[in-house]
């Protein structure tokens, strides 16, 4: 479960940022970069799938 949590935190960090020195200027390339709209959401979903797998799998040594 820790690995899934770390992957999700990395995804959220990749989505953050983008502070502009001038708040009245909109930087389209920075806001809609591949890192923010493609890579980060894929990592977030992967982290959630890792969490689901970690919750649903049987513990080791429980063959009964």
Protein backbone atom coordinates (compact mmCIF):
# COMPACT_ATOMS: atom_id res chain seq x y z
CA UNK A 1 0.00 0.00 0.00
CA UNK A 2 2.93 2.30 0.62
CA UNK A 3 4.06 1.99 -2.98
CA UNK A 4 0.61 2.99 -4.23
CA UNK A 5 0.58 5.99 -1.91
CA UNK A 6 4.01 7.10 -3.09
CA UNK A 7 2.96 6.78 -6.76
CA UNK A 8 -0.14 8.91 -6.08
CA UNK A 9 1.90 11.58 -4.27
CA UNK A 10 4.33 11.72 -7.21
CA UNK A 11 1.38 12.14 -9.59
CA UNK A 12 -0.06 14.99 -7.53
CA UNK A 13 3.34 16.70 -7.39
CA UNK A 14 3.60 16.43 -11.18
CA UNK A 15 0.20 18.14 -11.50
CA UNK A 16 1.10 20.99 -9.16
CA UNK A 17 3.07 24.13 -9.91
CA UNK A 18 2.72 26.56 -12.75
CA UNK A 19 2.96 29.73 -10.72
CA UNK A 20 3.42 32.70 -13.00
CA UNK A 21 5.27 35.82 -11.91
CA UNK A 22 2.41 37.87 -13.36
CA UNK A 23 -1.04 36.50 -12.37
CA UNK A 24 -2.67 38.31 -15.30
CA UNK A 25 -0.64 36.34 -17.88
CA UNK A 26 -1.94 32.89 -18.86
CA UNK A 27 0.80 30.50 -19.97
CA UNK A 28 -1.05 27.94 -22.11
CA UNK A 29 1.99 25.69 -22.65
CA UNK A 30 2.73 25.42 -18.95
CA UNK A 31 -0.84 24.70 -17.86
CA UNK A 32 -1.60 22.20 -20.62
CA UNK A 33 1.76 20.44 -20.71
CA UNK A 34 2.06 16.71 -21.38
CA UNK A 35 3.33 16.22 -17.85
CA UNK A 36 0.15 17.66 -16.32
CA UNK A 37 -2.60 16.34 -18.57
CA UNK A 38 -1.20 12.93 -19.56
CA UNK A 39 1.58 11.57 -17.36
CA UNK A 40 0.26 12.67 -13.96
CA UNK A 41 -3.29 11.29 -14.42
CA UNK A 42 -1.90 7.97 -15.68
CA UNK A 43 0.33 7.73 -12.60
CA UNK A 44 -2.61 8.61 -10.37
CA UNK A 45 -4.76 5.83 -11.82
CA UNK A 46 -1.82 3.42 -11.56
CA UNK A 47 -1.42 4.33 -7.89
CA UNK A 48 -5.11 3.70 -7.28
CA UNK A 49 -4.90 0.32 -9.03
CA UNK A 50 -1.88 -0.60 -6.90
CA UNK A 51 -3.91 0.29 -3.79
CA UNK A 52 -6.87 -1.84 -4.92
CA UNK A 53 -4.54 -4.76 -5.63
CA UNK A 54 -2.86 -4.37 -2.22
CA UNK A 55 -6.23 -4.40 -0.46
CA UNK A 56 -7.73 -7.31 -2.41
CA UNK A 57 -4.82 -9.77 -2.54
CA UNK A 58 -4.58 -12.64 -0.07
CA UNK A 59 -1.89 -12.37 2.57
CA UNK A 60 1.09 -14.70 2.15
CA UNK A 61 0.77 -17.97 4.05
CA UNK A 62 -3.03 -18.21 3.94
CA UNK A 63 -3.47 -21.21 1.65
CA UNK A 64 -6.66 -22.41 3.38
